[in-house]
Amino acid sequence: MFDGMKLSPESILKKFSSNSSISKLVRMDISTSQLSDALNHVTGNSGVIQGVKPLLDKVVIGRVVTASTSSDDWGTSLKAIDAAKSGEILFIYVEDDNNAIWGELTSKTAQKKGIVGTVIYGAVRDVGAVKRLGYPVFSKKIVPNAGSPKNEGKVNISIKCGDITVNPQDIIVGDECGVIVIPNEHLDAVIKETLNIKKKEDQIISKIEKGRSLSDILGIK
C-alpha cells in the first residue's frame, strides 16, 4: 500500500486523513458552484480553471497529476497517463490550442487504467469517439488536428494557470459548470464551508417554496 516506503505514524495518519477527506467529498451532493464559493471564503480565490468546459455531463473528483507541454507535443499526454494511478485526474497545461493533445486513443488508454478524467488547458479532438467511450474530458477548445508524439513536456510539476496554481496531488472537481482546483492543504476547511453553504442554500430554497421572494430572504431592498 505504501510502496515499501518507511513512513512515520504521523505521515500514515496524514495519509489516511487525506484519503478520508477525498472519500467524503465524493459522497457529498455538491456542485463546483458551491465549492467555488467555499474556496473564495476560505482562500480568497475561486479556484476556477477559466475557459475549460466539459464534453460530457459527468462529475469527476480526484487527486491531480499535472503535465505541461506545447500543442505540437501529444507525447507528453502519454507520459502523464503512465504517471497517473487509478482514481486520479490528469491536468494538462498546453502553451497554445492550435493542435489537439488529447483524443480517442488517449481517452481509451486512460479509461482502461482507471483514471477518472482529463482536464486540458488546450484542445481535444475525436469528440464523438470520446463521448461514446463515456470518458470525462474537459477542454478549452475542439479541433480536428494533432501535433507530434515528441514527449518533450514535464509531468508532476507546479503549474501556474491564470490566477491559480495547480500542484500535484491537489484535488480537482469537474462537472457541467466547469472545473475547480482545491489546494490539498485547504481541503478539510473547504469541505466544512461547502456544507455550511449547502445548508444555507437549502434553507433559502425552502423559504422560496413557501412563497417568499429571494430579495426579501436576502434583505435586498
Protein backbone atom coordinates (compact mmCIF):
# COMPACT_ATOMS: atom_id res chain seq x y z
CA MET A 1 0.00 0.00 0.00
CA PHE A 2 2.86 2.37 0.78
CA ASP A 3 5.20 1.07 -1.95
CA GLY A 4 7.80 -0.21 0.54
CA MET A 5 8.41 3.27 1.98
CA LYS A 6 9.17 3.71 5.68
CA LEU A 7 6.53 6.07 6.99
CA SER A 8 6.23 7.63 10.42
CA PRO A 9 2.97 7.25 12.40
CA GLU A 10 2.32 10.95 11.71
CA SER A 11 2.67 10.56 7.93
CA ILE A 12 0.48 7.43 7.93
CA LEU A 13 -2.21 9.28 9.91
CA LYS A 14 -1.99 12.23 7.49
CA LYS A 15 -2.37 9.90 4.51
CA PHE A 16 -5.46 8.17 5.91
CA SER A 17 -6.99 11.52 6.95
CA SER A 18 -6.42 12.92 3.47
CA ASN A 19 -7.97 9.87 1.79
CA SER A 20 -10.93 10.10 4.17
CA SER A 21 -11.50 13.72 3.13
CA ILE A 22 -11.49 12.74 -0.55
CA SER A 23 -13.99 9.97 0.14
CA LYS A 24 -16.21 12.41 1.99
CA LEU A 25 -16.05 14.86 -0.92
CA VAL A 26 -17.04 12.11 -3.36
CA ARG A 27 -20.10 11.22 -1.26
CA MET A 28 -21.29 14.82 -0.92
CA ASP A 29 -24.11 16.00 -3.19
CA ILE A 30 -22.43 19.30 -4.10
CA SER A 31 -21.52 21.29 -7.20
CA THR A 32 -18.47 23.15 -8.41
CA SER A 33 -20.50 26.34 -7.87
CA GLN A 34 -20.84 25.61 -4.15
CA LEU A 35 -17.21 24.52 -3.88
CA SER A 36 -16.04 27.65 -5.68
CA ASP A 37 -17.98 29.85 -3.24
CA ALA A 38 -16.44 27.92 -0.36
CA LEU A 39 -12.95 28.29 -1.81
CA ASN A 40 -13.49 32.03 -2.11
CA HIS A 41 -14.49 32.22 1.55
CA VAL A 42 -11.54 30.10 2.71
CA THR A 43 -8.73 31.27 0.41
CA GLY A 44 -9.95 34.41 -1.36
CA ASN A 45 -9.67 32.61 -4.70
CA SER A 46 -12.45 30.82 -6.62
CA GLY A 47 -10.15 28.00 -7.78
CA VAL A 48 -11.75 28.05 -11.24
CA ILE A 49 -9.74 26.97 -14.30
CA GLN A 50 -11.11 29.61 -16.63
CA GLY A 51 -12.38 28.70 -20.10
CA VAL A 52 -12.46 24.93 -19.61
CA LYS A 53 -15.74 23.20 -20.49
CA PRO A 54 -16.94 19.57 -20.27
CA LEU A 55 -17.55 17.27 -23.22
CA LEU A 56 -19.86 15.10 -21.08
CA ASP A 57 -22.35 15.78 -18.32
CA LYS A 58 -20.38 13.89 -15.69
CA VAL A 59 -18.92 14.70 -12.29
CA VAL A 60 -15.26 13.89 -11.63
CA ILE A 61 -13.38 14.17 -8.34
CA GLY A 62 -9.81 13.10 -7.69
CA ARG A 63 -6.23 13.99 -6.97
CA VAL A 64 -4.38 15.54 -9.86
CA VAL A 65 -1.37 14.50 -11.89
CA THR A 66 -0.09 17.57 -13.72
CA ALA A 67 1.66 17.94 -17.06
CA SER A 68 2.83 20.85 -19.18
CA THR A 69 3.63 20.82 -22.89
CA SER A 70 3.07 22.55 -26.25
CA SER A 71 0.20 21.78 -28.60
CA ASP A 72 2.68 20.21 -31.02
CA ASP A 73 3.51 17.50 -28.48
CA TRP A 74 0.85 14.94 -27.60
CA GLY A 75 3.53 12.51 -26.50
CA THR A 76 3.61 14.18 -23.09
CA SER A 77 -0.03 13.16 -22.64
CA LEU A 78 1.13 9.54 -22.78
CA LYS A 79 3.77 10.24 -20.16
CA ALA A 80 1.11 11.78 -17.91
CA ILE A 81 -1.12 8.71 -18.32
CA ASP A 82 1.78 6.46 -17.36
CA ALA A 83 2.48 8.57 -14.26
CA ALA A 84 -1.12 8.53 -13.01
CA LYS A 85 -2.77 5.95 -10.76
CA SER A 86 -6.31 4.62 -10.80
CA GLY A 87 -8.69 7.20 -9.29
CA GLU A 88 -6.55 10.20 -10.22
CA ILE A 89 -7.26 13.01 -12.71
CA LEU A 90 -4.94 14.42 -15.36
CA PHE A 91 -4.46 18.16 -15.74
CA ILE A 92 -2.50 19.02 -18.87
CA TYR A 93 -1.49 22.64 -19.39
CA VAL A 94 -0.83 23.45 -23.05
CA GLU A 95 1.01 26.58 -24.19
CA ASP A 96 -1.48 27.11 -27.04
CA ASP A 97 -4.53 25.41 -28.51
CA ASN A 98 -3.53 25.20 -32.18
CA ASN A 99 -3.34 21.39 -32.09
CA ALA A 100 -5.09 18.73 -30.01
CA ILE A 101 -3.01 16.85 -27.45
CA TRP A 102 -5.85 14.51 -26.49
CA GLY A 103 -8.32 12.30 -28.34
CA GLU A 104 -9.85 8.84 -28.66
CA LEU A 105 -6.75 6.70 -28.10
CA THR A 106 -5.54 8.63 -25.07
CA SER A 107 -9.06 8.58 -23.58
CA LYS A 108 -9.32 4.82 -24.08
CA THR A 109 -5.89 4.25 -22.52
CA ALA A 110 -6.63 6.46 -19.52
CA GLN A 111 -10.06 4.89 -19.04
CA LYS A 112 -8.57 1.39 -19.12
CA LYS A 113 -6.07 2.40 -16.42
CA GLY A 114 -8.82 3.71 -14.12
CA ILE A 115 -8.00 7.41 -14.48
CA VAL A 116 -11.27 9.21 -13.76
CA GLY A 117 -10.94 12.15 -16.15
CA THR A 118 -8.72 14.56 -18.05
CA VAL A 119 -8.66 18.35 -17.91
CA ILE A 120 -6.91 20.00 -20.84
CA TYR A 121 -5.98 23.67 -20.80
CA GLY A 122 -5.79 23.39 -24.56
CA ALA A 123 -7.51 21.44 -27.34
CA VAL A 124 -9.06 17.98 -27.76
CA ARG A 125 -10.18 16.09 -30.86
CA ASP A 126 -12.14 12.87 -31.70
CA VAL A 127 -15.01 14.29 -29.68
CA GLY A 128 -17.62 11.84 -30.99
CA ALA A 129 -15.46 8.85 -30.10
CA VAL A 130 -14.60 10.27 -26.67
CA LYS A 131 -18.29 10.78 -25.92
CA ARG A 132 -19.10 7.23 -26.99
CA LEU A 133 -16.43 5.96 -24.60
CA GLY A 134 -18.09 7.92 -21.82
CA TYR A 135 -14.70 9.17 -20.63
CA PRO A 136 -14.88 12.60 -18.94
CA VAL A 137 -12.80 15.24 -20.73
CA PHE A 138 -12.75 18.98 -20.10
CA SER A 139 -11.04 21.32 -22.58
CA LYS A 140 -10.80 24.89 -23.82
CA LYS A 141 -11.14 24.09 -27.50
CA ILE A 142 -12.08 21.39 -30.01
CA VAL A 143 -10.02 20.95 -33.20
CA PRO A 144 -9.55 18.08 -35.70
CA ASN A 145 -5.76 18.27 -35.98
CA ALA A 146 -2.98 16.98 -33.74
CA GLY A 147 0.73 17.59 -33.39
CA SER A 148 3.51 15.04 -32.89
CA PRO A 149 4.43 12.48 -30.18
CA LYS A 150 7.54 14.38 -29.08
CA ASN A 151 7.27 13.69 -25.34
CA GLU A 152 9.19 16.88 -24.51
CA GLY A 153 6.93 18.19 -21.74
CA LYS A 154 7.11 17.83 -17.96
CA VAL A 155 4.98 15.79 -15.59
CA ASN A 156 4.06 16.31 -11.91
CA ILE A 157 5.18 19.90 -11.66
CA SER A 158 3.59 23.01 -10.17
CA ILE A 159 1.65 24.85 -12.90
CA LYS A 160 0.52 28.48 -12.91
CA CYS A 161 -2.80 28.76 -14.74
CA GLY A 162 -4.23 32.25 -14.75
CA ASP A 163 -4.56 33.37 -11.15
CA ILE A 164 -4.40 29.88 -9.67
CA THR A 165 -1.61 27.38 -9.14
CA VAL A 166 -2.19 23.66 -9.68
CA ASN A 167 0.11 21.38 -7.71
CA PRO A 168 0.46 17.60 -7.96
CA GLN A 169 -1.98 15.87 -5.57
CA ASP A 170 -4.26 18.90 -5.29
CA ILE A 171 -7.92 17.98 -5.76
CA ILE A 172 -9.80 18.63 -8.99
CA VAL A 173 -13.59 18.67 -9.19
CA GLY A 174 -15.33 18.96 -12.55
CA ASP A 175 -18.98 19.00 -13.54
CA GLU A 176 -21.30 20.58 -16.12
CA CYS A 177 -20.33 24.09 -14.90
CA GLY A 178 -16.57 23.66 -15.29
CA VAL A 179 -13.51 22.74 -13.25
CA ILE A 180 -12.10 23.91 -9.92
CA VAL A 181 -8.88 23.11 -8.08
CA ILE A 182 -8.83 22.70 -4.31
CA PRO A 183 -5.36 23.09 -2.77
CA ASN A 184 -4.64 19.97 -0.73
CA GLU A 185 -3.86 21.97 2.42
CA HIS A 186 -7.31 23.63 2.34
CA LEU A 187 -9.40 20.54 1.58
CA ASP A 188 -10.90 19.99 5.05
CA ALA A 189 -11.73 23.68 5.51
CA VAL A 190 -13.33 23.85 2.06
CA ILE A 191 -15.46 20.77 2.75
CA LYS A 192 -16.67 22.28 6.03
CA GLU A 193 -17.50 25.62 4.39
CA THR A 194 -19.23 23.92 1.46
CA LEU A 195 -21.53 22.06 3.86
CA ASN A 196 -22.38 25.39 5.52
CA ILE A 197 -23.17 26.93 2.12
CA LYS A 198 -25.30 23.98 1.08
CA LYS A 199 -27.27 24.14 4.35
CA LYS A 200 -27.96 27.86 3.87
CA GLU A 201 -29.00 27.32 0.23
CA ASP A 202 -31.37 24.53 1.24
CA GLN A 203 -32.95 26.87 3.79
CA ILE A 204 -33.35 29.60 1.16
CA ILE A 205 -34.95 27.17 -1.29
CA SER A 206 -37.38 26.06 1.41
CA LYS A 207 -38.40 29.68 2.03
CA ILE A 208 -38.85 30.32 -1.72
CA GLU A 209 -41.12 27.29 -1.93
CA LYS A 210 -43.25 28.82 0.84
CA GLY A 211 -43.76 31.95 -1.25
CA ARG A 212 -41.08 34.37 -0.07
CA SER A 213 -39.09 36.35 -2.63
CA LEU A 214 -35.33 35.95 -2.90
CA SER A 215 -34.77 39.69 -2.42
CA ASP A 216 -36.79 39.56 0.81
CA ILE A 217 -34.89 36.48 2.08
CA LEU A 218 -31.53 38.12 1.37
CA GLY A 219 -32.60 41.51 2.68
CA ILE A 220 -32.05 43.25 -0.63
CA LYS A 221 -34.22 46.37 -0.97
